[in-house]
Amino acid sequence: MSIRVLFICHGNICRSTMCESLFTHMVKTRNLSHFFEIDSAATSREEIGNTPHYGTVRKLREENIPLVPHRARQMTRNDYLYYDYLIGMDSENIRGMIRIAGGSDPFGKIYKLLEFTADGESARDVADPWYTGDFDETYRDVRAGLEGFFEYLGEKEAMLKEKR
């Protein structure tokens, strides 16, 4: 059984594709690929079909992270039903994800990425490089959130084992 993770941002060309590529790399380097299904999507339709933003591509290359082949797509209601974790980058994304999911999150699957950081920065959004041009800051946010997500999954697995 795999853990299905969908990363979501506004256009699916900057932050969510950065998450998808970095998390895929992190999973592979930990030899856990067989446990995960990873994808990304948008809350909007603006960039559908487009490849990742050149700033995301440049930053991932700079960090020696392979770019996952990707074309932007919009999140669907079926994505909400299918994925175990739907992880948005900012508060606006969360609102859009809930709208697409049908107006609520009855299964508690929707998270904001920085909720998983050590200090639980749930109120803080991942910096959007589309507006800031700062892909370094976005990468730092994404990496911190993904490392925290791995810790969260490890703690959750330990709790499940204790209950058995």
N, C-alpha and C. Protein backbone atom coordinates (compact mmCIF):
# COMPACT_ATOMS: atom_id res chain seq x y z
N MET A 1 0.84 -1.18 0.00
CA MET A 1 0.00 0.00 0.00
C MET A 1 0.89 1.25 0.00
N SER A 2 0.57 2.17 -0.87
CA SER A 2 1.40 3.37 -0.95
C SER A 2 0.72 4.57 -0.29
N ILE A 3 1.55 5.54 0.04
CA ILE A 3 1.08 6.81 0.57
C ILE A 3 0.99 7.75 -0.63
N ARG A 4 -0.20 8.24 -0.89
CA ARG A 4 -0.44 9.09 -2.06
C ARG A 4 -0.45 10.55 -1.63
N VAL A 5 0.48 11.33 -2.24
CA VAL A 5 0.67 12.73 -1.86
C VAL A 5 0.50 13.61 -3.10
N LEU A 6 -0.33 14.65 -2.94
CA LEU A 6 -0.52 15.63 -4.01
C LEU A 6 -0.15 17.01 -3.47
N PHE A 7 0.80 17.66 -4.13
CA PHE A 7 1.21 19.02 -3.76
C PHE A 7 0.47 20.00 -4.65
N ILE A 8 -0.05 21.08 -4.05
CA ILE A 8 -0.88 22.02 -4.79
C ILE A 8 -0.44 23.46 -4.56
N CYS A 9 -0.38 24.23 -5.66
CA CYS A 9 -0.19 25.67 -5.58
C CYS A 9 -1.13 26.32 -6.59
N HIS A 10 -0.99 27.60 -6.81
CA HIS A 10 -1.92 28.30 -7.68
C HIS A 10 -1.86 27.82 -9.13
N GLY A 11 -0.65 27.82 -9.72
CA GLY A 11 -0.53 27.52 -11.14
C GLY A 11 0.08 26.18 -11.48
N ASN A 12 0.71 25.52 -10.49
CA ASN A 12 1.36 24.22 -10.69
C ASN A 12 2.58 24.31 -11.60
N ILE A 13 3.30 25.44 -11.54
CA ILE A 13 4.54 25.55 -12.31
C ILE A 13 5.73 25.96 -11.44
N CYS A 14 5.49 26.44 -10.22
CA CYS A 14 6.59 26.89 -9.35
C CYS A 14 6.70 26.02 -8.10
N ARG A 15 5.91 26.35 -7.09
CA ARG A 15 6.05 25.72 -5.78
C ARG A 15 5.66 24.24 -5.74
N SER A 16 4.51 23.90 -6.30
CA SER A 16 4.07 22.50 -6.22
C SER A 16 4.96 21.58 -7.05
N THR A 17 5.46 22.07 -8.19
CA THR A 17 6.37 21.24 -8.98
C THR A 17 7.73 21.12 -8.29
N MET A 18 8.14 22.18 -7.57
CA MET A 18 9.36 22.09 -6.78
C MET A 18 9.19 21.03 -5.69
N CYS A 19 8.04 21.04 -5.03
CA CYS A 19 7.76 20.03 -3.99
C CYS A 19 7.75 18.63 -4.58
N GLU A 20 7.06 18.47 -5.71
CA GLU A 20 6.97 17.16 -6.33
C GLU A 20 8.36 16.61 -6.66
N SER A 21 9.20 17.42 -7.27
CA SER A 21 10.55 16.97 -7.64
C SER A 21 11.42 16.71 -6.42
N LEU A 22 11.40 17.63 -5.45
CA LEU A 22 12.24 17.46 -4.27
C LEU A 22 11.78 16.28 -3.42
N PHE A 23 10.46 16.14 -3.22
CA PHE A 23 9.97 15.03 -2.41
C PHE A 23 10.25 13.70 -3.11
N THR A 24 10.10 13.64 -4.43
CA THR A 24 10.43 12.43 -5.18
C THR A 24 11.90 12.07 -4.97
N HIS A 25 12.76 13.07 -5.03
CA HIS A 25 14.20 12.85 -4.81
C HIS A 25 14.46 12.37 -3.38
N MET A 26 13.82 12.99 -2.41
CA MET A 26 14.01 12.60 -1.00
C MET A 26 13.56 11.16 -0.77
N VAL A 27 12.45 10.79 -1.37
CA VAL A 27 11.92 9.43 -1.24
C VAL A 27 12.89 8.43 -1.87
N LYS A 28 13.40 8.75 -3.07
CA LYS A 28 14.33 7.85 -3.76
C LYS A 28 15.63 7.68 -2.97
N THR A 29 16.17 8.77 -2.43
CA THR A 29 17.44 8.66 -1.71
C THR A 29 17.28 7.89 -0.39
N ARG A 30 16.06 7.78 0.10
CA ARG A 30 15.78 6.99 1.31
C ARG A 30 15.31 5.57 0.96
N ASN A 31 15.37 5.23 -0.33
CA ASN A 31 14.92 3.93 -0.82
C ASN A 31 13.48 3.61 -0.42
N LEU A 32 12.61 4.61 -0.54
CA LEU A 32 11.21 4.46 -0.15
C LEU A 32 10.24 4.66 -1.31
N SER A 33 10.75 4.66 -2.54
CA SER A 33 9.91 4.95 -3.70
C SER A 33 8.68 4.05 -3.78
N HIS A 34 8.84 2.80 -3.39
CA HIS A 34 7.73 1.85 -3.50
C HIS A 34 6.60 2.15 -2.50
N PHE A 35 6.85 3.04 -1.54
CA PHE A 35 5.83 3.40 -0.55
C PHE A 35 5.03 4.65 -0.93
N PHE A 36 5.42 5.34 -1.99
CA PHE A 36 4.82 6.63 -2.29
C PHE A 36 4.34 6.75 -3.73
N GLU A 37 3.26 7.50 -3.90
CA GLU A 37 2.80 7.99 -5.19
C GLU A 37 2.73 9.50 -5.04
N ILE A 38 3.44 10.23 -5.88
CA ILE A 38 3.62 11.68 -5.72
C ILE A 38 3.22 12.39 -7.01
N ASP A 39 2.46 13.47 -6.85
CA ASP A 39 2.06 14.28 -8.01
C ASP A 39 1.86 15.72 -7.53
N SER A 40 1.52 16.60 -8.45
CA SER A 40 1.22 17.98 -8.10
C SER A 40 0.13 18.51 -9.02
N ALA A 41 -0.52 19.58 -8.56
CA ALA A 41 -1.63 20.16 -9.31
C ALA A 41 -1.80 21.63 -8.92
N ALA A 42 -2.74 22.28 -9.61
CA ALA A 42 -3.03 23.70 -9.39
C ALA A 42 -4.45 23.87 -8.87
N THR A 43 -4.69 25.00 -8.25
CA THR A 43 -6.06 25.37 -7.93
C THR A 43 -6.69 26.15 -9.08
N SER A 44 -5.87 26.72 -9.95
CA SER A 44 -6.37 27.52 -11.07
C SER A 44 -6.19 26.76 -12.39
N ARG A 45 -6.68 27.35 -13.44
CA ARG A 45 -6.55 26.76 -14.78
C ARG A 45 -5.56 27.56 -15.64
N GLU A 46 -4.95 28.59 -15.07
CA GLU A 46 -4.13 29.54 -15.82
C GLU A 46 -2.94 28.95 -16.56
N GLU A 47 -2.31 27.95 -15.97
CA GLU A 47 -1.06 27.43 -16.54
C GLU A 47 -1.21 26.00 -17.08
N ILE A 48 -2.42 25.49 -17.19
CA ILE A 48 -2.63 24.10 -17.60
C ILE A 48 -1.84 23.79 -18.87
N GLY A 49 -1.10 22.68 -18.81
CA GLY A 49 -0.30 22.23 -19.94
C GLY A 49 1.11 22.78 -19.98
N ASN A 50 1.39 23.79 -19.17
CA ASN A 50 2.72 24.40 -19.17
C ASN A 50 3.72 23.56 -18.36
N THR A 51 4.98 23.68 -18.73
CA THR A 51 6.06 23.01 -18.01
C THR A 51 6.45 23.85 -16.79
N PRO A 52 7.26 23.30 -15.89
CA PRO A 52 7.68 24.06 -14.72
C PRO A 52 8.38 25.38 -15.08
N HIS A 53 8.20 26.36 -14.23
CA HIS A 53 8.79 27.69 -14.39
C HIS A 53 10.32 27.56 -14.47
N TYR A 54 10.93 28.37 -15.30
CA TYR A 54 12.40 28.31 -15.47
C TYR A 54 13.14 28.55 -14.15
N GLY A 55 12.57 29.35 -13.25
CA GLY A 55 13.21 29.59 -11.95
C GLY A 55 13.21 28.34 -11.08
N THR A 56 12.14 27.57 -11.14
CA THR A 56 12.08 26.29 -10.41
C THR A 56 13.09 25.32 -11.01
N VAL A 57 13.13 25.25 -12.32
CA VAL A 57 14.07 24.35 -13.01
C VAL A 57 15.50 24.72 -12.64
N ARG A 58 15.82 26.01 -12.68
CA ARG A 58 17.18 26.47 -12.35
C ARG A 58 17.55 26.13 -10.92
N LYS A 59 16.64 26.38 -9.98
CA LYS A 59 16.94 26.13 -8.57
C LYS A 59 17.12 24.64 -8.30
N LEU A 60 16.29 23.81 -8.88
CA LEU A 60 16.44 22.37 -8.68
C LEU A 60 17.77 21.88 -9.27
N ARG A 61 18.15 22.39 -10.43
CA ARG A 61 19.45 22.02 -11.02
C ARG A 61 20.59 22.44 -10.11
N GLU A 62 20.49 23.66 -9.59
CA GLU A 62 21.51 24.20 -8.69
C GLU A 62 21.67 23.29 -7.46
N GLU A 63 20.59 22.69 -7.01
CA GLU A 63 20.62 21.82 -5.82
C GLU A 63 20.81 20.34 -6.18
N ASN A 64 21.06 20.07 -7.46
CA ASN A 64 21.23 18.69 -7.96
C ASN A 64 20.02 17.80 -7.69
N ILE A 65 18.85 18.37 -7.86
CA ILE A 65 17.59 17.65 -7.69
C ILE A 65 17.02 17.42 -9.08
N PRO A 66 16.80 16.16 -9.48
CA PRO A 66 16.23 15.90 -10.80
C PRO A 66 14.81 16.46 -10.91
N LEU A 67 14.52 17.07 -12.03
CA LEU A 67 13.19 17.60 -12.30
C LEU A 67 12.29 16.46 -12.76
N VAL A 68 11.17 16.29 -12.10
CA VAL A 68 10.19 15.29 -12.51
C VAL A 68 9.49 15.83 -13.76
N PRO A 69 9.39 15.05 -14.83
CA PRO A 69 8.67 15.52 -16.02
C PRO A 69 7.23 15.88 -15.63
N HIS A 70 6.79 17.06 -16.02
CA HIS A 70 5.50 17.52 -15.54
C HIS A 70 4.88 18.56 -16.47
N ARG A 71 3.58 18.51 -16.57
CA ARG A 71 2.77 19.53 -17.23
C ARG A 71 1.70 19.95 -16.24
N ALA A 72 1.50 21.24 -16.10
CA ALA A 72 0.54 21.76 -15.12
C ALA A 72 -0.86 21.21 -15.39
N ARG A 73 -1.55 20.90 -14.29
CA ARG A 73 -2.93 20.44 -14.36
C ARG A 73 -3.69 20.98 -13.15
N GLN A 74 -4.99 20.97 -13.24
CA GLN A 74 -5.80 21.47 -12.12
C GLN A 74 -6.25 20.30 -11.25
N MET A 75 -6.25 20.53 -9.95
CA MET A 75 -6.77 19.57 -8.98
C MET A 75 -8.26 19.32 -9.28
N THR A 76 -8.70 18.10 -9.01
CA THR A 76 -10.10 17.73 -9.20
C THR A 76 -10.70 17.18 -7.91
N ARG A 77 -11.98 17.05 -7.89
CA ARG A 77 -12.68 16.41 -6.75
C ARG A 77 -12.18 14.97 -6.59
N ASN A 78 -11.94 14.29 -7.71
CA ASN A 78 -11.42 12.91 -7.64
C ASN A 78 -10.05 12.86 -6.99
N ASP A 79 -9.23 13.89 -7.20
CA ASP A 79 -7.93 13.94 -6.52
C ASP A 79 -8.14 13.94 -5.02
N TYR A 80 -9.10 14.72 -4.55
CA TYR A 80 -9.38 14.75 -3.11
C TYR A 80 -9.74 13.36 -2.61
N LEU A 81 -10.53 12.65 -3.35
CA LEU A 81 -10.95 11.31 -2.93
C LEU A 81 -9.80 10.31 -3.01
N TYR A 82 -8.91 10.47 -3.98
CA TYR A 82 -7.84 9.51 -4.24
C TYR A 82 -6.62 9.67 -3.32
N TYR A 83 -6.14 10.89 -3.16
CA TYR A 83 -4.89 11.11 -2.43
C TYR A 83 -5.10 11.08 -0.92
N ASP A 84 -4.04 10.64 -0.21
CA ASP A 84 -4.07 10.60 1.26
C ASP A 84 -3.75 11.95 1.86
N TYR A 85 -2.84 12.68 1.21
CA TYR A 85 -2.39 13.99 1.68
C TYR A 85 -2.46 14.95 0.51
N LEU A 86 -3.18 16.04 0.69
CA LEU A 86 -3.24 17.12 -0.29
C LEU A 86 -2.61 18.33 0.40
N ILE A 87 -1.44 18.73 -0.06
CA ILE A 87 -0.64 19.71 0.65
C ILE A 87 -0.51 20.99 -0.18
N GLY A 88 -1.13 22.06 0.33
CA GLY A 88 -1.10 23.36 -0.32
C GLY A 88 0.04 24.22 0.19
N MET A 89 0.36 25.24 -0.58
CA MET A 89 1.48 26.10 -0.26
C MET A 89 1.09 27.34 0.53
N ASP A 90 -0.16 27.79 0.40
CA ASP A 90 -0.56 29.01 1.11
C ASP A 90 -2.05 28.98 1.43
N SER A 91 -2.49 29.97 2.17
CA SER A 91 -3.89 30.03 2.62
C SER A 91 -4.86 30.11 1.45
N GLU A 92 -4.49 30.84 0.41
CA GLU A 92 -5.36 30.93 -0.76
C GLU A 92 -5.51 29.56 -1.42
N ASN A 93 -4.40 28.81 -1.50
CA ASN A 93 -4.46 27.46 -2.06
C ASN A 93 -5.39 26.58 -1.24
N ILE A 94 -5.31 26.69 0.07
CA ILE A 94 -6.15 25.86 0.95
C ILE A 94 -7.63 26.15 0.67
N ARG A 95 -7.98 27.42 0.56
CA ARG A 95 -9.37 27.78 0.24
C ARG A 95 -9.79 27.19 -1.10
N GLY A 96 -8.93 27.29 -2.10
CA GLY A 96 -9.22 26.72 -3.41
C GLY A 96 -9.35 25.21 -3.38
N MET A 97 -8.49 24.56 -2.62
CA MET A 97 -8.53 23.10 -2.51
C MET A 97 -9.84 22.65 -1.86
N ILE A 98 -10.25 23.34 -0.82
CA ILE A 98 -11.51 23.00 -0.14
C ILE A 98 -12.69 23.21 -1.09
N ARG A 99 -12.66 24.28 -1.85
CA ARG A 99 -13.72 24.53 -2.83
C ARG A 99 -13.78 23.40 -3.85
N ILE A 100 -12.64 23.01 -4.39
CA ILE A 100 -12.59 21.94 -5.39
C ILE A 100 -13.02 20.61 -4.78
N ALA A 101 -12.66 20.39 -3.51
CA ALA A 101 -13.02 19.13 -2.83
C ALA A 101 -14.51 19.02 -2.55
N GLY A 102 -15.24 20.12 -2.70
CA GLY A 102 -16.68 20.07 -2.48
C GLY A 102 -17.16 20.98 -1.37
N GLY A 103 -16.28 21.85 -0.89
CA GLY A 103 -16.69 22.83 0.11
C GLY A 103 -16.25 22.53 1.53
N SER A 104 -15.64 21.36 1.73
CA SER A 104 -15.13 21.02 3.07
C SER A 104 -14.03 19.98 2.94
N ASP A 105 -13.47 19.61 4.06
CA ASP A 105 -12.40 18.60 4.12
C ASP A 105 -12.85 17.52 5.12
N PRO A 106 -13.88 16.74 4.77
CA PRO A 106 -14.44 15.78 5.73
C PRO A 106 -13.48 14.69 6.17
N PHE A 107 -12.47 14.40 5.36
CA PHE A 107 -11.53 13.33 5.70
C PHE A 107 -10.23 13.85 6.29
N GLY A 108 -10.11 15.16 6.49
CA GLY A 108 -8.91 15.74 7.09
C GLY A 108 -7.65 15.48 6.30
N LYS A 109 -7.72 15.63 4.99
CA LYS A 109 -6.59 15.34 4.11
C LYS A 109 -5.82 16.58 3.68
N ILE A 110 -6.40 17.75 3.89
CA ILE A 110 -5.81 18.99 3.38
C ILE A 110 -4.92 19.64 4.44
N TYR A 111 -3.69 19.95 4.04
CA TYR A 111 -2.70 20.54 4.93
C TYR A 111 -2.02 21.70 4.21
N LYS A 112 -1.45 22.59 5.00
CA LYS A 112 -0.55 23.62 4.45
C LYS A 112 0.87 23.12 4.73
N LEU A 113 1.76 23.18 3.76
CA LEU A 113 3.09 22.57 3.87
C LEU A 113 3.83 22.97 5.13
N LEU A 114 3.82 24.25 5.48
CA LEU A 114 4.64 24.67 6.61
C LEU A 114 4.04 24.30 7.97
N GLU A 115 2.87 23.64 7.97
CA GLU A 115 2.35 23.06 9.22
C GLU A 115 3.28 21.97 9.73
N PHE A 116 4.05 21.38 8.84
CA PHE A 116 4.90 20.26 9.20
C PHE A 116 6.28 20.67 9.71
N THR A 117 6.57 21.96 9.73
CA THR A 117 7.89 22.39 10.21
C THR A 117 7.98 22.24 11.72
N ALA A 118 9.19 22.22 12.22
CA ALA A 118 9.44 21.99 13.64
C ALA A 118 8.69 22.96 14.54
N ASP A 119 8.58 24.20 14.13
CA ASP A 119 7.88 25.17 14.96
C ASP A 119 6.44 25.36 14.54
N GLY A 120 5.96 24.47 13.65
CA GLY A 120 4.56 24.48 13.24
C GLY A 120 4.09 25.81 12.70
N GLU A 121 4.80 26.33 11.72
CA GLU A 121 4.50 27.64 11.16
C GLU A 121 3.22 27.61 10.33
N SER A 122 2.15 27.08 10.91
CA SER A 122 0.93 26.88 10.12
C SER A 122 0.34 28.18 9.58
N ALA A 123 0.63 29.30 10.22
CA ALA A 123 0.07 30.56 9.74
C ALA A 123 0.88 31.14 8.58
N ARG A 124 2.11 30.64 8.37
CA ARG A 124 2.98 31.20 7.34
C ARG A 124 2.82 30.46 6.03
N ASP A 125 2.79 31.20 4.95
CA ASP A 125 2.69 30.63 3.61
C ASP A 125 4.08 30.40 3.03
N VAL A 126 4.19 29.42 2.13
CA VAL A 126 5.42 29.25 1.35
C VAL A 126 5.51 30.45 0.41
N ALA A 127 6.64 31.09 0.40
CA ALA A 127 6.85 32.26 -0.46
C ALA A 127 6.57 31.89 -1.92
N ASP A 128 5.81 32.73 -2.61
CA ASP A 128 5.46 32.48 -4.00
C ASP A 128 6.46 33.19 -4.92
N PRO A 129 7.36 32.43 -5.57
CA PRO A 129 8.40 33.06 -6.39
C PRO A 129 7.85 33.69 -7.67
N TRP A 130 6.62 33.37 -8.03
CA TRP A 130 6.01 34.03 -9.20
C TRP A 130 5.99 35.53 -8.98
N TYR A 131 5.74 35.92 -7.71
CA TYR A 131 5.66 37.34 -7.36
C TYR A 131 6.97 37.88 -6.81
N THR A 132 7.70 37.05 -6.04
CA THR A 132 8.92 37.55 -5.39
C THR A 132 10.16 37.39 -6.27
N GLY A 133 10.16 36.41 -7.17
CA GLY A 133 11.34 36.11 -7.97
C GLY A 133 12.43 35.41 -7.17
N ASP A 134 12.16 35.13 -5.89
CA ASP A 134 13.16 34.54 -4.99
C ASP A 134 12.94 33.04 -4.85
N PHE A 135 13.50 32.28 -5.77
CA PHE A 135 13.36 30.84 -5.74
C PHE A 135 14.21 30.21 -4.65
N ASP A 136 15.23 30.91 -4.17
CA ASP A 136 16.04 30.42 -3.05
C ASP A 136 15.20 30.36 -1.77
N GLU A 137 14.46 31.42 -1.49
CA GLU A 137 13.60 31.44 -0.31
C GLU A 137 12.52 30.37 -0.40
N THR A 138 11.93 30.22 -1.57
CA THR A 138 10.91 29.20 -1.77
C THR A 138 11.49 27.82 -1.54
N TYR A 139 12.68 27.57 -2.06
CA TYR A 139 13.33 26.27 -1.87
C TYR A 139 13.57 26.00 -0.39
N ARG A 140 14.02 27.00 0.35
CA ARG A 140 14.23 26.81 1.80
C ARG A 140 12.92 26.45 2.50
N ASP A 141 11.84 27.15 2.17
CA ASP A 141 10.53 26.84 2.74
C ASP A 141 10.10 25.42 2.39
N VAL A 142 10.22 25.09 1.11
CA VAL A 142 9.79 23.77 0.64
C VAL A 142 10.60 22.66 1.32
N ARG A 143 11.89 22.83 1.37
CA ARG A 143 12.74 21.80 1.99
C ARG A 143 12.38 21.62 3.47
N ALA A 144 12.21 22.72 4.19
CA ALA A 144 11.85 22.63 5.62
C ALA A 144 10.50 21.93 5.80
N GLY A 145 9.53 22.28 4.96
CA GLY A 145 8.22 21.65 5.05
C GLY A 145 8.27 20.17 4.73
N LEU A 146 9.03 19.79 3.72
CA LEU A 146 9.11 18.37 3.33
C LEU A 146 9.87 17.54 4.36
N GLU A 147 10.92 18.11 4.94
CA GLU A 147 11.63 17.39 6.01
C GLU A 147 10.68 17.15 7.19
N GLY A 148 9.89 18.18 7.53
CA GLY A 148 8.91 18.05 8.59
C GLY A 148 7.83 17.04 8.26
N PHE A 149 7.43 16.99 6.99
CA PHE A 149 6.43 16.02 6.56
C PHE A 149 6.95 14.60 6.74
N PHE A 150 8.22 14.36 6.39
CA PHE A 150 8.82 13.04 6.62
C PHE A 150 8.80 12.68 8.11
N GLU A 151 9.15 13.63 8.95
CA GLU A 151 9.11 13.38 10.40
C GLU A 151 7.69 13.04 10.85
N TYR A 152 6.72 13.81 10.37
CA TYR A 152 5.32 13.57 10.69
C TYR A 152 4.91 12.15 10.30
N LEU A 153 5.27 11.73 9.08
CA LEU A 153 4.92 10.39 8.64
C LEU A 153 5.58 9.33 9.51
N GLY A 154 6.83 9.56 9.91
CA GLY A 154 7.52 8.62 10.78
C GLY A 154 6.86 8.51 12.15
N GLU A 155 6.47 9.65 12.71
CA GLU A 155 5.79 9.65 14.01
C GLU A 155 4.43 8.97 13.90
N LYS A 156 3.71 9.22 12.83
CA LYS A 156 2.40 8.63 12.62
C LYS A 156 2.53 7.11 12.50
N GLU A 157 3.52 6.65 11.77
CA GLU A 157 3.76 5.21 11.61
C GLU A 157 4.09 4.57 12.96
N ALA A 158 4.92 5.25 13.76
CA ALA A 158 5.27 4.72 15.09
C ALA A 158 4.02 4.61 15.97
N MET A 159 3.13 5.60 15.91
CA MET A 159 1.90 5.57 16.70
C MET A 159 1.01 4.41 16.26
N LEU A 160 0.92 4.16 14.96
CA LEU A 160 0.11 3.07 14.45
C LEU A 160 0.65 1.72 14.92
N LYS A 161 1.97 1.57 14.92
CA LYS A 161 2.58 0.32 15.37
C LYS A 161 2.30 0.08 16.84
N GLU A 162 2.32 1.15 17.65
CA GLU A 162 2.03 1.02 19.08
C GLU A 162 0.60 0.55 19.33
N LYS A 163 -0.32 0.97 18.50
CA LYS A 163 -1.74 0.62 18.68
C LYS A 163 -2.04 -0.81 18.25
N ARG A 164 -1.15 -1.44 17.51
CA ARG A 164 -1.39 -2.82 17.01
C ARG A 164 -1.19 -3.83 18.06
